[in-house]
Amino acid sequence: MCARPFAVNGRETALREQSEVVAHASPKMLLSRNNRDEEPLFRRRALALAKRSARSIVRARPNERRVVLIFGCQRSGTTMLQQTFLDRSWRVLILEEHDRRLVGPGQANWQEYSTVLGRIRRLPFEVVAAKPLVESASATALMDAAGAVKAVWMLRHYSEVARSNVNRFGMDNPYRDLQPIRSRDKLDWRYRGMTEETWETVTALSNQRLTPFDAAALFWWTRNQLYFHQRLWEDDRIRILRYERACNKPDEVIRSLSDHIGLALPIGSIAPRVRAQPFPPETREFDPDVERLCRKLWDSFEGCPEL
């Protein structure tokens, strides 16, 4: 379902060109090489500025505005979904995780949902996309508060998430991720939504000699259990997107994602930017108990609603 074209006295072409100049700029044209997840920070901010400038002239009507929320486990391809897929459309505004409209200074958790979503609704875009990964335990409550909303649960194989976690954040990070669960820290987003069974499992396995990759895979298990705890397979507003499918079949994913969010994404400028990934991933030997938990959960996603 395509949104209506915006044309006000012939300004649409100029506004589209303003956005596309930034969107298609080569790396040599950029003034900064401050990268995060391989996307130059300057490029993202320049594109966002161009989009906001365009929308200050041609504003989406309030009844045309909607929110896209991205949930799941960190290192599952959520940044790729935002920057490579959604951000290529000039009708979509991306809000990054630490945007002050979402979180307070130095905070990871979202501010009160009604306050945040009120700010989002005032943004003059057809789609505003945010990835409240730390709020994944409250996905249903957040979607309920959002009104016109579609959501995606990003899913990536646990062995690849574990590898990416350790490579990105270091060997100690997986243990830090599990500590708030072990200590029942109710103020920490990692513990929110954990069941007694999850706490018992994490505590028991953490007392073993887990490698950093084991700990990272176990953290993947805790985060992706939240999908089933909330019975999200029954909610028509949310769909699973597998990282491996997004990388290897981008044309199909772009069409499915466009249908899901109700806005046609530009296949021609997205698909060439997506890098194919080998699947199944490289095998890694995990602790047998961790492997059993993760494999069972991975298999449980089979048959759930997907893009």
Protein backbone atom coordinates (compact mmCIF):
# COMPACT_ATOMS: atom_id res chain seq x y z
CA MET A 1 0.00 0.00 0.00
CA CYS A 2 1.67 3.20 -1.17
CA ALA A 3 1.22 6.52 0.57
CA ARG A 4 -0.22 9.31 -1.51
CA PRO A 5 2.38 11.42 -3.36
CA PHE A 6 3.17 14.78 -1.81
CA ALA A 7 3.12 17.53 -4.39
CA VAL A 8 2.73 21.15 -3.41
CA ASN A 9 3.27 23.60 -6.27
CA GLY A 10 5.92 21.40 -7.83
CA ARG A 11 8.04 21.29 -4.67
CA GLU A 12 8.02 17.49 -4.35
CA THR A 13 10.76 16.99 -6.93
CA ALA A 14 13.09 19.49 -5.30
CA LEU A 15 12.50 18.03 -1.86
CA ARG A 16 13.09 14.49 -3.06
CA GLU A 17 16.31 15.54 -4.77
CA GLN A 18 17.51 17.26 -1.60
CA SER A 19 17.16 14.00 0.30
CA GLU A 20 18.60 11.81 -2.44
CA VAL A 21 21.75 13.93 -2.80
CA VAL A 22 22.64 13.03 0.77
CA ALA A 23 21.33 9.46 0.60
CA HIS A 24 23.48 8.59 -2.41
CA ALA A 25 26.61 10.53 -1.52
CA SER A 26 29.76 8.46 -1.83
CA PRO A 27 31.98 7.97 1.23
CA LYS A 28 34.55 10.33 -0.30
CA MET A 29 32.00 13.14 -0.18
CA LEU A 30 31.47 12.79 3.55
CA LEU A 31 33.33 15.00 5.98
CA SER A 32 33.48 12.43 8.76
CA ARG A 33 34.54 8.82 9.07
CA ASN A 34 33.09 8.39 12.55
CA ASN A 35 31.43 5.05 11.90
CA ARG A 36 28.99 3.01 13.93
CA ASP A 37 28.01 -0.33 12.50
CA GLU A 38 29.68 0.68 9.22
CA GLU A 39 27.38 3.66 8.60
CA PRO A 40 29.13 7.05 8.87
CA LEU A 41 27.64 9.13 11.67
CA PHE A 42 27.84 12.29 9.56
CA ARG A 43 25.94 10.61 6.75
CA ARG A 44 23.08 9.58 9.03
CA ARG A 45 22.77 13.02 10.60
CA ALA A 46 23.01 14.84 7.29
CA LEU A 47 20.28 12.65 5.83
CA ALA A 48 18.07 13.22 8.87
CA LEU A 49 18.61 16.98 8.55
CA ALA A 50 17.67 16.90 4.86
CA LYS A 51 14.53 14.96 5.65
CA ARG A 52 13.50 17.33 8.43
CA SER A 53 14.09 20.30 6.14
CA ALA A 54 11.89 18.73 3.49
CA ARG A 55 9.15 17.91 5.95
CA SER A 56 9.17 21.42 7.39
CA ILE A 57 7.72 22.43 4.02
CA VAL A 58 5.64 19.37 3.12
CA ARG A 59 4.25 17.85 6.31
CA ALA A 60 2.51 14.50 6.55
CA ARG A 61 -1.01 14.91 7.85
CA PRO A 62 -1.57 13.73 11.43
CA ASN A 63 -3.88 10.91 10.32
CA GLU A 64 -1.17 9.63 7.95
CA ARG A 65 1.52 9.32 10.61
CA ARG A 66 2.48 6.00 12.17
CA VAL A 67 5.22 4.44 14.23
CA VAL A 68 7.46 1.47 13.47
CA LEU A 69 9.08 -0.17 16.50
CA ILE A 70 11.96 -2.64 16.32
CA PHE A 71 12.39 -5.17 19.13
CA GLY A 72 14.68 -8.12 19.79
CA CYS A 73 18.18 -8.89 21.04
CA GLN A 74 21.12 -6.58 20.52
CA ARG A 75 23.46 -7.54 17.63
CA SER A 76 20.58 -9.10 15.67
CA GLY A 77 20.60 -6.70 12.72
CA THR A 78 18.37 -3.98 14.14
CA THR A 79 20.75 -1.23 13.02
CA MET A 80 20.84 -2.71 9.53
CA LEU A 81 17.04 -2.70 9.42
CA GLN A 82 16.95 0.97 10.41
CA GLN A 83 19.82 2.35 8.38
CA THR A 84 19.97 0.16 5.28
CA PHE A 85 16.29 -0.64 4.77
CA LEU A 86 14.09 2.02 6.36
CA ASP A 87 16.31 5.11 6.18
CA ARG A 88 16.50 4.96 2.37
CA SER A 89 12.98 6.37 2.15
CA TRP A 90 12.64 10.12 2.53
CA ARG A 91 9.20 9.47 4.07
CA VAL A 92 10.78 7.68 7.06
CA LEU A 93 12.55 9.37 9.96
CA ILE A 94 14.89 7.26 12.08
CA LEU A 95 15.23 7.99 15.79
CA GLU A 96 18.43 6.54 17.21
CA GLU A 97 18.49 4.72 20.53
CA HIS A 98 19.90 7.61 22.57
CA ASP A 99 17.76 10.34 21.01
CA ARG A 100 16.77 12.78 23.76
CA ARG A 101 13.16 12.54 22.63
CA LEU A 102 13.23 8.91 23.78
CA VAL A 103 15.58 8.67 26.75
CA GLY A 104 16.94 10.98 29.40
CA PRO A 105 20.63 12.00 29.61
CA GLY A 106 22.81 8.98 30.30
CA GLN A 107 19.79 6.66 30.36
CA ALA A 108 18.98 3.55 28.33
CA ASN A 109 15.31 3.12 29.28
CA TRP A 110 12.61 5.05 27.49
CA GLN A 111 10.91 7.85 29.35
CA GLU A 112 7.19 7.52 30.10
CA TYR A 113 5.60 6.01 27.01
CA SER A 114 2.80 8.57 26.67
CA THR A 115 5.33 11.43 26.76
CA VAL A 116 7.67 9.86 24.22
CA LEU A 117 4.92 8.88 21.82
CA GLY A 118 3.39 12.33 22.04
CA ARG A 119 6.71 13.75 20.82
CA ILE A 120 6.90 11.16 18.05
CA ARG A 121 3.38 11.93 16.80
CA ARG A 122 4.31 15.58 16.37
CA LEU A 123 7.06 14.69 13.88
CA PRO A 124 5.69 15.42 10.37
CA PHE A 125 6.62 12.08 8.76
CA GLU A 126 4.48 9.22 7.51
CA VAL A 127 6.70 6.80 9.42
CA VAL A 128 8.94 7.37 12.45
CA ALA A 129 11.06 4.30 13.22
CA ALA A 130 12.69 3.61 16.58
CA LYS A 131 14.31 0.54 18.09
CA PRO A 132 13.46 0.30 21.80
CA LEU A 133 15.45 -2.90 22.29
CA VAL A 134 15.72 -2.30 26.03
CA GLU A 135 11.91 -2.14 26.16
CA SER A 136 11.41 -5.52 24.46
CA ALA A 137 9.93 -6.96 27.67
CA SER A 138 7.13 -4.39 27.32
CA ALA A 139 6.54 -4.70 23.58
CA THR A 140 2.79 -5.17 23.92
CA ALA A 141 2.37 -2.22 26.31
CA LEU A 142 4.47 0.02 24.08
CA MET A 143 2.52 -0.93 20.95
CA ASP A 144 -0.75 -0.32 22.81
CA ALA A 145 0.45 3.15 23.76
CA ALA A 146 1.66 3.95 20.24
CA GLY A 147 -1.70 3.89 18.47
CA ALA A 148 -1.06 3.53 14.73
CA VAL A 149 1.90 1.17 14.97
CA LYS A 150 3.67 -1.71 13.27
CA ALA A 151 6.53 -3.61 14.84
CA VAL A 152 9.34 -5.98 13.88
CA TRP A 153 11.07 -8.56 16.05
CA MET A 154 14.58 -9.02 14.64
CA LEU A 155 15.85 -12.58 14.91
CA ARG A 156 19.41 -13.73 14.21
CA HIS A 157 21.01 -17.10 14.88
CA TYR A 158 22.46 -17.29 18.39
CA SER A 159 25.93 -18.32 17.25
CA GLU A 160 26.22 -15.19 15.09
CA VAL A 161 24.81 -12.94 17.80
CA ALA A 162 27.32 -14.36 20.28
CA ARG A 163 30.20 -13.79 17.87
CA SER A 164 29.04 -10.25 17.09
CA ASN A 165 28.52 -9.42 20.77
CA VAL A 166 32.05 -10.48 21.74
CA ASN A 167 33.68 -8.91 18.69
CA ARG A 168 31.89 -5.61 19.20
CA PHE A 169 31.90 -5.17 22.97
CA GLY A 170 34.70 -7.41 24.22
CA MET A 171 35.13 -10.65 26.13
CA ASP A 172 33.72 -9.32 29.41
CA ASN A 173 30.50 -7.87 28.02
CA PRO A 174 28.44 -11.10 27.97
CA TYR A 175 29.12 -11.62 31.67
CA ARG A 176 28.08 -8.00 32.38
CA ASP A 177 24.85 -8.63 30.47
CA LEU A 178 23.97 -11.60 32.66
CA GLN A 179 24.90 -10.02 36.00
CA PRO A 180 21.73 -7.89 36.43
CA ILE A 181 19.66 -11.02 35.86
CA ARG A 182 21.61 -13.01 38.43
CA SER A 183 21.34 -10.19 40.98
CA ARG A 184 17.64 -9.53 40.25
CA ASP A 185 18.31 -5.86 39.57
CA LYS A 186 14.80 -4.53 38.97
CA LEU A 187 16.15 -1.18 37.78
CA ASP A 188 18.12 -2.76 34.94
CA TRP A 189 16.45 -3.41 31.58
CA ARG A 190 18.17 -6.79 31.27
CA TYR A 191 16.23 -8.18 34.23
CA ARG A 192 12.82 -6.76 33.34
CA GLY A 193 10.45 -9.42 32.07
CA MET A 194 12.51 -12.32 33.39
CA THR A 195 10.52 -15.23 34.84
CA GLU A 196 11.56 -17.21 37.89
CA GLU A 197 12.47 -20.10 35.60
CA THR A 198 14.72 -17.84 33.52
CA TRP A 199 16.44 -16.53 36.64
CA GLU A 200 17.02 -20.04 37.95
CA THR A 201 18.43 -21.20 34.60
CA VAL A 202 20.77 -18.22 34.22
CA THR A 203 21.96 -18.54 37.81
CA ALA A 204 22.64 -22.25 37.52
CA LEU A 205 24.50 -21.98 34.21
CA SER A 206 26.46 -18.92 35.30
CA ASN A 207 27.93 -20.98 38.12
CA GLN A 208 29.53 -23.18 35.49
CA ARG A 209 32.65 -22.16 33.59
CA LEU A 210 30.93 -20.48 30.66
CA THR A 211 33.04 -19.00 27.88
CA PRO A 212 32.23 -15.45 26.71
CA PHE A 213 30.46 -17.00 23.70
CA ASP A 214 28.40 -19.27 25.96
CA ALA A 215 27.39 -16.28 28.09
CA ALA A 216 26.48 -14.24 25.00
CA ALA A 217 24.35 -17.09 23.63
CA LEU A 218 22.64 -17.45 27.00
CA PHE A 219 21.85 -13.73 26.97
CA TRP A 220 20.36 -14.20 23.46
CA TRP A 221 18.14 -16.87 24.98
CA THR A 222 16.90 -14.55 27.74
CA ARG A 223 16.05 -11.76 25.31
CA ASN A 224 14.27 -13.85 22.68
CA GLN A 225 12.19 -15.66 25.28
CA LEU A 226 10.40 -12.33 25.73
CA TYR A 227 8.69 -12.85 22.36
CA PHE A 228 6.99 -15.97 23.69
CA HIS A 229 6.35 -14.65 27.21
CA GLN A 230 4.20 -11.94 25.62
CA ARG A 231 2.55 -14.32 23.12
CA LEU A 232 3.53 -11.96 20.34
CA TRP A 233 2.82 -14.53 17.65
CA GLU A 234 -0.86 -13.74 18.31
CA ASP A 235 -0.42 -9.99 17.69
CA ASP A 236 -1.05 -8.88 14.10
CA ARG A 237 0.92 -5.69 14.65
CA ILE A 238 4.30 -7.44 14.90
CA ARG A 239 6.23 -9.70 12.54
CA ILE A 240 9.53 -11.55 12.86
CA LEU A 241 12.31 -10.62 10.46
CA ARG A 242 15.19 -13.05 10.23
CA TYR A 243 18.55 -11.38 9.75
CA GLU A 244 19.72 -14.09 7.39
CA ARG A 245 16.68 -13.68 5.15
CA ALA A 246 17.06 -9.89 5.10
CA CYS A 247 20.69 -10.25 3.96
CA ASN A 248 20.16 -12.96 1.36
CA LYS A 249 16.72 -12.13 -0.04
CA PRO A 250 16.51 -8.34 0.29
CA ASP A 251 14.06 -7.84 -2.60
CA GLU A 252 11.50 -10.16 -0.98
CA VAL A 253 12.03 -8.60 2.43
CA ILE A 254 11.66 -5.05 1.11
CA ARG A 255 8.31 -5.95 -0.46
CA SER A 256 7.08 -7.71 2.68
CA LEU A 257 8.30 -4.89 4.91
CA SER A 258 6.64 -2.29 2.67
CA ASP A 259 3.32 -4.13 2.95
CA HIS A 260 3.70 -4.46 6.70
CA ILE A 261 4.39 -0.79 7.44
CA GLY A 262 2.06 0.54 4.73
CA LEU A 263 4.68 2.49 2.80
CA ALA A 264 6.53 1.55 -0.39
CA LEU A 265 10.27 1.40 0.25
CA PRO A 266 12.67 2.07 -2.67
CA ILE A 267 13.95 -1.38 -3.68
CA GLY A 268 16.39 0.07 -6.21
CA SER A 269 18.34 2.04 -3.62
CA ILE A 270 18.16 -0.55 -0.83
CA ALA A 271 18.91 -3.95 -2.34
CA PRO A 272 22.37 -3.07 -3.77
CA ARG A 273 23.52 -1.95 -0.30
CA VAL A 274 22.70 -5.28 1.37
CA ARG A 275 25.56 -7.74 1.74
CA ALA A 276 24.78 -11.45 1.48
CA GLN A 277 25.66 -13.53 4.53
CA PRO A 278 26.48 -17.26 4.65
CA PHE A 279 23.82 -19.45 6.20
CA PRO A 280 23.85 -21.71 8.09
CA PRO A 281 26.49 -19.82 10.05
CA GLU A 282 29.87 -21.13 11.05
CA THR A 283 29.47 -23.79 13.70
CA ARG A 284 30.74 -22.98 17.16
CA GLU A 285 30.98 -25.36 20.07
CA PHE A 286 28.88 -24.16 22.99
CA ASP A 287 28.36 -25.54 26.45
CA PRO A 288 25.92 -28.46 25.90
CA ASP A 289 23.27 -27.01 28.21
CA VAL A 290 23.47 -23.58 26.55
CA GLU A 291 23.33 -25.18 23.10
CA ARG A 292 20.26 -27.18 24.06
CA LEU A 293 18.41 -24.11 25.36
CA CYS A 294 19.27 -21.95 22.37
CA ARG A 295 18.55 -24.62 19.77
CA LYS A 296 15.14 -25.34 21.30
CA LEU A 297 14.23 -21.65 21.35
CA TRP A 298 15.50 -21.12 17.80
CA ASP A 299 13.36 -23.99 16.58
CA SER A 300 10.34 -22.57 18.45
CA PHE A 301 10.24 -19.59 16.09
CA GLU A 302 9.44 -21.88 13.18
CA GLY A 303 5.86 -21.19 12.06
CA CYS A 304 5.55 -17.81 13.81
CA PRO A 305 4.39 -14.88 11.63
CA GLU A 306 7.32 -13.57 9.59
CA LEU A 307 8.10 -10.99 6.95
